[in-house]
């Protein structure tokens, strides 16, 4: 019973913090922040849509990579469609946070795949983490509601 009450209070604190962030003076991203967020979002989305499209049309490097990574070639269609849908959700403002969460899961799977085949750390294994950083940085700069979830930024 105590746990339920503690969890309920935690939810109330988050909701209060969200309301405060959305109404506090200076909580709206500046024009520069919004544009930087849009640029980062565009960079991430362009790369992700490109990656999805080459998986859908199965160009030769994708066939070779899927075999090297241990994925049957016929799975590339499903992987490409999944990436396309997640990226589409990310670029639609109303579903951007859901898209970012789904892309985080997708990119985590990519990291795990590169770890499993012992690819080089910075050029292959961490590259999906770099893309994920672009995804979240772009969203964070465009949407002040996310600021309430990060402890280093408190509304005034």
Protein backbone atom coordinates (compact mmCIF):
# COMPACT_ATOMS: atom_id res chain seq x y z
CA UNK A 1 0.00 0.00 0.00
CA UNK A 2 2.84 2.38 0.85
CA UNK A 3 4.52 1.68 -2.50
CA UNK A 4 1.35 2.58 -4.37
CA UNK A 5 1.10 5.85 -2.48
CA UNK A 6 4.78 6.65 -3.09
CA UNK A 7 4.40 5.92 -6.80
CA UNK A 8 1.26 8.07 -6.94
CA UNK A 9 3.14 10.99 -5.35
CA UNK A 10 5.97 10.55 -7.85
CA UNK A 11 3.48 10.83 -10.72
CA UNK A 12 1.98 13.95 -9.12
CA UNK A 13 5.45 15.50 -8.85
CA UNK A 14 6.15 14.83 -12.53
CA UNK A 15 2.77 16.27 -13.56
CA UNK A 16 3.34 19.36 -11.38
CA UNK A 17 6.81 19.77 -12.78
CA UNK A 18 5.45 19.47 -16.34
CA UNK A 19 2.80 22.11 -15.66
CA UNK A 20 5.43 24.39 -14.13
CA UNK A 21 7.75 23.91 -17.10
CA UNK A 22 5.02 24.68 -19.58
CA UNK A 23 3.91 27.84 -17.76
CA UNK A 24 7.15 29.16 -16.25
CA UNK A 25 8.65 32.31 -17.72
CA UNK A 26 11.42 31.47 -20.14
CA UNK A 27 10.22 27.87 -20.54
CA UNK A 28 9.53 28.28 -24.22
CA UNK A 29 12.55 27.41 -26.36
CA UNK A 30 14.19 30.44 -27.95
CA UNK A 31 14.04 30.86 -31.69
CA UNK A 32 17.68 29.71 -31.92
CA UNK A 33 16.94 26.61 -29.83
CA UNK A 34 13.92 25.71 -31.96
CA UNK A 35 15.89 26.11 -35.20
CA UNK A 36 18.84 24.15 -33.84
CA UNK A 37 16.40 21.43 -32.79
CA UNK A 38 14.83 21.41 -36.24
CA UNK A 39 18.25 21.12 -37.91
CA UNK A 40 19.29 18.24 -35.63
CA UNK A 41 15.93 16.54 -36.19
CA UNK A 42 16.28 16.94 -39.96
CA UNK A 43 19.81 15.49 -39.91
CA UNK A 44 18.74 12.48 -37.84
CA UNK A 45 15.52 11.89 -39.80
CA UNK A 46 17.27 12.21 -43.18
CA UNK A 47 19.84 9.61 -42.19
CA UNK A 48 17.21 7.27 -40.72
CA UNK A 49 14.88 7.54 -43.73
CA UNK A 50 17.85 6.86 -46.01
CA UNK A 51 18.84 3.84 -43.91
CA UNK A 52 15.27 2.52 -44.01
CA UNK A 53 15.00 3.01 -47.77
CA UNK A 54 18.20 1.09 -48.59
CA UNK A 55 16.94 -1.78 -46.46
CA UNK A 56 13.66 -1.75 -48.40
CA UNK A 57 15.27 -1.80 -51.85
CA UNK A 58 18.04 -4.23 -50.80
CA UNK A 59 21.07 -2.70 -52.45
CA UNK A 60 24.13 -4.95 -52.54
CA UNK A 61 25.93 -3.41 -49.51
CA UNK A 62 22.81 -4.06 -47.40
CA UNK A 63 22.74 -7.70 -48.51
CA UNK A 64 26.43 -8.08 -47.62
CA UNK A 65 26.03 -6.30 -44.27
CA UNK A 66 22.99 -8.32 -43.26
CA UNK A 67 24.89 -11.54 -43.91
CA UNK A 68 27.97 -10.29 -42.02
CA UNK A 69 25.81 -9.23 -39.06
CA UNK A 70 24.00 -12.57 -39.02
CA UNK A 71 20.58 -11.44 -40.25
CA UNK A 72 18.87 -13.35 -43.06
CA UNK A 73 18.36 -11.07 -46.07
CA UNK A 74 14.59 -11.58 -46.01
CA UNK A 75 14.42 -9.84 -42.58
CA UNK A 76 15.63 -6.55 -44.06
CA UNK A 77 12.11 -5.70 -45.31
CA UNK A 78 10.69 -5.89 -41.77
CA UNK A 79 13.65 -4.06 -40.28
CA UNK A 80 13.42 -1.32 -42.92
CA UNK A 81 9.65 -0.93 -42.44
CA UNK A 82 10.08 -0.76 -38.67
CA UNK A 83 12.72 1.95 -39.00
CA UNK A 84 10.60 3.87 -41.51
CA UNK A 85 7.51 3.85 -39.25
CA UNK A 86 9.50 4.83 -36.14
CA UNK A 87 11.15 7.69 -38.03
CA UNK A 88 7.83 8.82 -39.46
CA UNK A 89 6.38 8.96 -35.93
CA UNK A 90 9.42 10.97 -34.87
CA UNK A 91 8.99 13.67 -37.53
CA UNK A 92 5.27 14.16 -36.83
CA UNK A 93 5.14 16.73 -33.99
CA UNK A 94 2.23 15.11 -32.10
CA UNK A 95 3.96 11.71 -32.00
CA UNK A 96 7.60 12.87 -31.88
CA UNK A 97 8.25 11.67 -28.32
CA UNK A 98 6.81 8.23 -29.08
CA UNK A 99 8.93 8.08 -32.23
CA UNK A 100 12.04 9.04 -30.26
CA UNK A 101 11.38 6.31 -27.69
CA UNK A 102 10.84 3.71 -30.42
CA UNK A 103 13.95 4.85 -32.28
CA UNK A 104 15.93 4.53 -29.04
CA UNK A 105 14.90 0.88 -28.84
CA UNK A 106 15.73 0.31 -32.51
CA UNK A 107 19.14 1.94 -32.14
CA UNK A 108 19.81 -0.05 -28.97
CA UNK A 109 19.27 -3.21 -31.02
CA UNK A 110 21.76 -1.94 -33.58
CA UNK A 111 24.33 -1.37 -30.83
CA UNK A 112 23.75 -4.88 -29.48
CA UNK A 113 24.22 -6.34 -32.96
CA UNK A 114 27.55 -4.53 -33.42
CA UNK A 115 28.72 -5.64 -29.97
CA UNK A 116 27.79 -9.26 -30.79
CA UNK A 117 29.90 -9.32 -33.97
CA UNK A 118 32.72 -7.39 -32.25
CA UNK A 119 32.70 -4.42 -34.63
CA UNK A 120 35.01 -1.46 -33.92
CA UNK A 121 33.76 0.69 -31.04
CA UNK A 122 33.63 4.24 -32.41
CA UNK A 123 33.01 3.68 -36.11
CA UNK A 124 30.33 0.99 -35.82
CA UNK A 125 29.21 0.10 -32.31
CA UNK A 126 28.66 3.62 -30.96
CA UNK A 127 27.38 5.14 -34.21
CA UNK A 128 23.73 4.31 -33.35
CA UNK A 129 24.26 6.05 -29.98
CA UNK A 130 25.46 9.15 -31.84
CA UNK A 131 22.32 9.06 -34.00
CA UNK A 132 20.18 8.62 -30.87
CA UNK A 133 21.85 11.65 -29.36
CA UNK A 134 20.87 13.66 -32.45
CA UNK A 135 17.30 12.36 -32.18
CA UNK A 136 16.87 13.33 -28.53
CA UNK A 137 18.83 16.60 -28.78
CA UNK A 138 16.63 17.75 -31.64
CA UNK A 139 13.46 16.87 -29.77
CA UNK A 140 14.71 18.37 -26.50
CA UNK A 141 15.51 21.68 -28.17
CA UNK A 142 12.14 21.82 -29.96
CA UNK A 143 9.88 20.87 -27.05
CA UNK A 144 10.15 22.57 -23.65
CA UNK A 145 7.82 19.98 -22.07
CA UNK A 146 10.75 17.53 -22.07
CA UNK A 147 12.79 19.89 -19.90
CA UNK A 148 10.72 18.88 -16.86
CA UNK A 149 12.14 15.35 -17.04
CA UNK A 150 15.79 16.36 -16.79
CA UNK A 151 17.13 17.17 -13.31
CA UNK A 152 19.72 19.72 -14.44
CA UNK A 153 17.04 22.06 -15.77
CA UNK A 154 14.55 23.38 -13.22
CA UNK A 155 11.88 25.96 -14.07
CA UNK A 156 12.48 29.39 -12.55
